[in-house]
Amino acid sequence: MQLVLEDGSTWHFPNPSAIRNALAQVDGVNNSFLILDRDETHFMQAARDPGTDFVVEYRDGDGAHHYQARGTLGFEAAAALFEGYAAGSGDWRGAVEWTLI
């Protein structure tokens, strides 16, 4: 598993501290997105524009399993999703409402 910022900064098997550090760097200016991937078709990503909250998506295999969290999320909510995804627990799925995209 790896965590990658738009600028190419990468963490392999990130812990919660690394996830929060990376997410804090997604400011919509220097880094507009962050991807946490298990492989090319299983990942979670967050994006934001300057001064906005996060748009979070995850993909669980093929394009028929690509979801976006309903609405935008603040830092704590986005961090909790990424931490749960990295830990491999399924609890994060029920933390927000997801819409198929």
N, C-alpha and C. Protein backbone atom coordinates (compact mmCIF):
# COMPACT_ATOMS: atom_id res chain seq x y z
N MET A 1 0.86 -1.16 0.00
CA MET A 1 0.00 0.00 0.00
C MET A 1 0.90 1.23 0.00
N GLN A 2 0.50 2.22 -0.79
CA GLN A 2 1.27 3.45 -0.79
C GLN A 2 0.35 4.66 -0.86
N LEU A 3 0.85 5.75 -0.33
CA LEU A 3 0.16 7.03 -0.27
C LEU A 3 0.97 8.00 -1.11
N VAL A 4 0.32 8.66 -2.08
CA VAL A 4 1.04 9.53 -3.01
C VAL A 4 0.32 10.88 -3.12
N LEU A 5 1.09 11.95 -2.95
CA LEU A 5 0.59 13.30 -3.17
C LEU A 5 0.80 13.69 -4.63
N GLU A 6 0.09 14.70 -5.07
CA GLU A 6 0.24 15.20 -6.44
C GLU A 6 1.69 15.54 -6.76
N ASP A 7 2.44 16.07 -5.80
CA ASP A 7 3.83 16.46 -6.06
C ASP A 7 4.80 15.28 -6.11
N GLY A 8 4.28 14.06 -5.93
CA GLY A 8 5.11 12.86 -6.02
C GLY A 8 5.61 12.34 -4.69
N SER A 9 5.41 13.08 -3.61
CA SER A 9 5.81 12.59 -2.29
C SER A 9 5.07 11.28 -2.03
N THR A 10 5.80 10.28 -1.54
CA THR A 10 5.24 8.94 -1.39
C THR A 10 5.58 8.33 -0.04
N TRP A 11 4.61 7.66 0.57
CA TRP A 11 4.81 6.90 1.80
C TRP A 11 4.36 5.48 1.52
N HIS A 12 5.22 4.51 1.84
CA HIS A 12 4.86 3.11 1.69
C HIS A 12 4.34 2.59 3.03
N PHE A 13 3.21 1.91 2.99
CA PHE A 13 2.54 1.38 4.18
C PHE A 13 2.42 2.48 5.25
N PRO A 14 1.70 3.57 4.92
CA PRO A 14 1.63 4.72 5.82
C PRO A 14 0.88 4.43 7.11
N ASN A 15 1.38 5.00 8.19
CA ASN A 15 0.70 4.91 9.48
C ASN A 15 -0.24 6.12 9.61
N PRO A 16 -1.08 6.16 10.65
CA PRO A 16 -2.02 7.28 10.79
C PRO A 16 -1.35 8.65 10.79
N SER A 17 -0.18 8.76 11.39
CA SER A 17 0.53 10.04 11.40
C SER A 17 0.93 10.48 9.99
N ALA A 18 1.43 9.55 9.19
CA ALA A 18 1.80 9.87 7.81
C ALA A 18 0.57 10.26 6.99
N ILE A 19 -0.54 9.57 7.22
CA ILE A 19 -1.78 9.89 6.50
C ILE A 19 -2.22 11.30 6.82
N ARG A 20 -2.22 11.66 8.09
CA ARG A 20 -2.64 13.01 8.49
C ARG A 20 -1.68 14.08 7.96
N ASN A 21 -0.39 13.77 7.99
CA ASN A 21 0.61 14.70 7.46
C ASN A 21 0.38 14.94 5.97
N ALA A 22 0.18 13.87 5.23
CA ALA A 22 -0.03 14.00 3.78
C ALA A 22 -1.34 14.73 3.48
N LEU A 23 -2.40 14.37 4.19
CA LEU A 23 -3.70 15.00 3.95
C LEU A 23 -3.64 16.50 4.25
N ALA A 24 -2.87 16.88 5.24
CA ALA A 24 -2.72 18.30 5.58
C ALA A 24 -2.03 19.07 4.45
N GLN A 25 -1.28 18.38 3.62
CA GLN A 25 -0.59 19.02 2.51
C GLN A 25 -1.48 19.19 1.27
N VAL A 26 -2.67 18.59 1.29
CA VAL A 26 -3.60 18.75 0.18
C VAL A 26 -4.32 20.08 0.41
N ASP A 27 -3.77 21.12 -0.21
CA ASP A 27 -4.27 22.48 0.01
C ASP A 27 -4.94 23.08 -1.22
N GLY A 28 -4.94 22.34 -2.33
CA GLY A 28 -5.54 22.86 -3.55
C GLY A 28 -4.63 23.80 -4.31
N VAL A 29 -3.45 24.05 -3.79
CA VAL A 29 -2.49 24.94 -4.45
C VAL A 29 -1.27 24.14 -4.89
N ASN A 30 -0.49 23.67 -3.90
CA ASN A 30 0.70 22.88 -4.20
C ASN A 30 0.36 21.41 -4.45
N ASN A 31 -0.63 20.94 -3.77
CA ASN A 31 -1.13 19.57 -3.94
C ASN A 31 -2.65 19.63 -3.92
N SER A 32 -3.25 19.19 -5.01
CA SER A 32 -4.71 19.22 -5.07
C SER A 32 -5.32 17.84 -4.85
N PHE A 33 -4.49 16.79 -4.78
CA PHE A 33 -5.03 15.46 -4.52
C PHE A 33 -4.04 14.56 -3.81
N LEU A 34 -4.58 13.48 -3.27
CA LEU A 34 -3.85 12.47 -2.53
C LEU A 34 -4.48 11.13 -2.89
N ILE A 35 -3.66 10.11 -3.13
CA ILE A 35 -4.17 8.78 -3.46
C ILE A 35 -3.53 7.75 -2.53
N LEU A 36 -4.36 6.90 -1.94
CA LEU A 36 -3.91 5.77 -1.14
C LEU A 36 -4.32 4.53 -1.90
N ASP A 37 -3.33 3.80 -2.43
CA ASP A 37 -3.71 2.66 -3.26
C ASP A 37 -3.17 1.33 -2.75
N ARG A 38 -4.00 0.33 -2.98
CA ARG A 38 -3.59 -1.06 -2.73
C ARG A 38 -3.01 -1.63 -4.01
N ASP A 39 -3.62 -1.25 -5.14
CA ASP A 39 -3.15 -1.59 -6.48
C ASP A 39 -3.83 -0.63 -7.44
N GLU A 40 -3.70 -0.84 -8.73
CA GLU A 40 -4.22 0.11 -9.71
C GLU A 40 -5.74 0.25 -9.72
N THR A 41 -6.46 -0.74 -9.23
CA THR A 41 -7.92 -0.69 -9.27
C THR A 41 -8.58 -0.63 -7.90
N HIS A 42 -7.79 -0.58 -6.84
CA HIS A 42 -8.31 -0.50 -5.48
C HIS A 42 -7.62 0.66 -4.78
N PHE A 43 -8.35 1.76 -4.59
CA PHE A 43 -7.73 2.94 -4.00
C PHE A 43 -8.77 3.86 -3.38
N MET A 44 -8.27 4.78 -2.57
CA MET A 44 -9.06 5.88 -2.04
C MET A 44 -8.31 7.15 -2.41
N GLN A 45 -9.05 8.18 -2.77
CA GLN A 45 -8.41 9.44 -3.13
C GLN A 45 -9.21 10.61 -2.57
N ALA A 46 -8.49 11.69 -2.31
CA ALA A 46 -9.11 12.93 -1.85
C ALA A 46 -8.58 14.07 -2.70
N ALA A 47 -9.44 15.03 -2.95
CA ALA A 47 -9.05 16.22 -3.72
C ALA A 47 -9.72 17.42 -3.09
N ARG A 48 -9.12 18.58 -3.33
CA ARG A 48 -9.74 19.82 -2.85
C ARG A 48 -9.20 21.01 -3.62
N ASP A 49 -10.02 22.02 -3.68
CA ASP A 49 -9.63 23.31 -4.23
C ASP A 49 -9.26 24.21 -3.05
N PRO A 50 -8.52 25.29 -3.29
CA PRO A 50 -8.17 26.18 -2.18
C PRO A 50 -9.41 26.66 -1.42
N GLY A 51 -9.34 26.57 -0.09
CA GLY A 51 -10.41 27.07 0.75
C GLY A 51 -11.65 26.21 0.83
N THR A 52 -11.59 24.98 0.31
CA THR A 52 -12.75 24.09 0.35
C THR A 52 -12.43 22.85 1.18
N ASP A 53 -13.47 22.06 1.46
CA ASP A 53 -13.28 20.77 2.12
C ASP A 53 -12.93 19.72 1.08
N PHE A 54 -12.75 18.49 1.53
CA PHE A 54 -12.29 17.40 0.67
C PHE A 54 -13.43 16.68 -0.05
N VAL A 55 -13.18 16.30 -1.28
CA VAL A 55 -14.02 15.37 -2.03
C VAL A 55 -13.28 14.04 -1.95
N VAL A 56 -13.94 13.01 -1.44
CA VAL A 56 -13.30 11.71 -1.25
C VAL A 56 -13.99 10.67 -2.10
N GLU A 57 -13.20 9.84 -2.77
CA GLU A 57 -13.70 8.75 -3.59
C GLU A 57 -12.94 7.48 -3.26
N TYR A 58 -13.57 6.35 -3.56
CA TYR A 58 -12.83 5.09 -3.53
C TYR A 58 -13.28 4.22 -4.69
N ARG A 59 -12.37 3.38 -5.11
CA ARG A 59 -12.66 2.42 -6.18
C ARG A 59 -12.30 1.04 -5.66
N ASP A 60 -13.22 0.11 -5.87
CA ASP A 60 -13.07 -1.25 -5.38
C ASP A 60 -13.10 -2.23 -6.54
N GLY A 61 -12.10 -2.12 -7.40
CA GLY A 61 -12.02 -2.98 -8.57
C GLY A 61 -12.30 -2.21 -9.84
N ASP A 62 -13.27 -2.66 -10.59
CA ASP A 62 -13.57 -2.03 -11.89
C ASP A 62 -14.37 -0.75 -11.73
N GLY A 63 -14.62 -0.07 -12.85
CA GLY A 63 -15.33 1.20 -12.85
C GLY A 63 -16.75 1.11 -12.34
N ALA A 64 -17.33 -0.08 -12.31
CA ALA A 64 -18.68 -0.25 -11.78
C ALA A 64 -18.70 -0.17 -10.25
N HIS A 65 -17.52 -0.08 -9.65
CA HIS A 65 -17.40 -0.02 -8.19
C HIS A 65 -16.57 1.20 -7.77
N HIS A 66 -16.91 2.35 -8.33
CA HIS A 66 -16.23 3.61 -8.03
C HIS A 66 -17.25 4.53 -7.35
N TYR A 67 -16.94 4.96 -6.15
CA TYR A 67 -17.89 5.70 -5.32
C TYR A 67 -17.31 7.03 -4.84
N GLN A 68 -18.21 7.96 -4.57
CA GLN A 68 -17.82 9.26 -4.02
C GLN A 68 -18.64 9.52 -2.77
N ALA A 69 -17.98 10.04 -1.75
CA ALA A 69 -18.71 10.43 -0.53
C ALA A 69 -19.68 11.54 -0.88
N ARG A 70 -20.88 11.45 -0.34
CA ARG A 70 -21.89 12.49 -0.59
C ARG A 70 -21.46 13.76 0.13
N GLY A 71 -21.37 14.85 -0.62
CA GLY A 71 -20.94 16.12 -0.05
C GLY A 71 -19.44 16.16 0.16
N THR A 72 -18.98 17.26 0.73
CA THR A 72 -17.56 17.39 1.03
C THR A 72 -17.32 17.06 2.49
N LEU A 73 -16.08 16.75 2.81
CA LEU A 73 -15.73 16.32 4.16
C LEU A 73 -14.64 17.21 4.74
N GLY A 74 -14.73 17.49 6.02
CA GLY A 74 -13.68 18.21 6.72
C GLY A 74 -12.47 17.32 6.93
N PHE A 75 -11.41 17.91 7.46
CA PHE A 75 -10.15 17.19 7.64
C PHE A 75 -10.32 15.94 8.48
N GLU A 76 -10.96 16.04 9.64
CA GLU A 76 -11.08 14.88 10.55
C GLU A 76 -11.85 13.73 9.91
N ALA A 77 -12.93 14.04 9.23
CA ALA A 77 -13.73 12.99 8.58
C ALA A 77 -12.94 12.32 7.47
N ALA A 78 -12.24 13.11 6.66
CA ALA A 78 -11.43 12.55 5.57
C ALA A 78 -10.29 11.70 6.14
N ALA A 79 -9.63 12.21 7.18
CA ALA A 79 -8.53 11.46 7.79
C ALA A 79 -9.01 10.12 8.34
N ALA A 80 -10.17 10.11 8.98
CA ALA A 80 -10.71 8.86 9.53
C ALA A 80 -10.97 7.84 8.43
N LEU A 81 -11.49 8.28 7.29
CA LEU A 81 -11.72 7.37 6.17
C LEU A 81 -10.41 6.77 5.68
N PHE A 82 -9.41 7.61 5.48
CA PHE A 82 -8.11 7.13 5.00
C PHE A 82 -7.44 6.20 6.00
N GLU A 83 -7.53 6.52 7.27
CA GLU A 83 -6.94 5.66 8.29
C GLU A 83 -7.62 4.29 8.32
N GLY A 84 -8.94 4.27 8.22
CA GLY A 84 -9.67 3.00 8.20
C GLY A 84 -9.33 2.18 6.97
N TYR A 85 -9.25 2.85 5.82
CA TYR A 85 -8.91 2.16 4.57
C TYR A 85 -7.52 1.55 4.68
N ALA A 86 -6.56 2.32 5.20
CA ALA A 86 -5.19 1.82 5.33
C ALA A 86 -5.10 0.66 6.30
N ALA A 87 -5.93 0.68 7.34
CA ALA A 87 -5.92 -0.39 8.34
C ALA A 87 -6.58 -1.66 7.83
N GLY A 88 -7.33 -1.55 6.74
CA GLY A 88 -7.98 -2.73 6.18
C GLY A 88 -9.31 -3.06 6.83
N SER A 89 -9.79 -2.18 7.70
CA SER A 89 -11.10 -2.43 8.31
C SER A 89 -12.19 -1.98 7.34
N GLY A 90 -13.34 -2.57 7.42
CA GLY A 90 -14.44 -2.17 6.56
C GLY A 90 -15.32 -1.11 7.20
N ASP A 91 -14.99 -0.70 8.43
CA ASP A 91 -15.81 0.25 9.17
C ASP A 91 -15.97 1.59 8.46
N TRP A 92 -14.96 2.01 7.72
CA TRP A 92 -14.98 3.32 7.06
C TRP A 92 -16.13 3.42 6.06
N ARG A 93 -16.55 2.29 5.49
CA ARG A 93 -17.62 2.33 4.49
C ARG A 93 -18.93 2.87 5.05
N GLY A 94 -19.20 2.62 6.30
CA GLY A 94 -20.43 3.07 6.92
C GLY A 94 -20.34 4.45 7.57
N ALA A 95 -19.16 5.06 7.52
CA ALA A 95 -18.96 6.35 8.19
C ALA A 95 -19.60 7.51 7.43
N VAL A 96 -19.76 7.36 6.13
CA VAL A 96 -20.40 8.39 5.29
C VAL A 96 -21.30 7.70 4.28
N GLU A 97 -22.12 8.48 3.62
CA GLU A 97 -22.95 7.94 2.55
C GLU A 97 -22.17 8.01 1.25
N TRP A 98 -22.17 6.93 0.49
CA TRP A 98 -21.43 6.84 -0.78
C TRP A 98 -22.38 6.80 -1.95
N THR A 99 -21.99 7.45 -3.04
CA THR A 99 -22.77 7.47 -4.26
C THR A 99 -21.93 6.86 -5.38
N LEU A 100 -22.53 5.97 -6.14
CA LEU A 100 -21.83 5.37 -7.29
C LEU A 100 -21.59 6.44 -8.35
N ILE A 101 -20.36 6.50 -8.86
CA ILE A 101 -20.08 7.48 -9.92
C ILE A 101 -19.62 6.77 -11.19
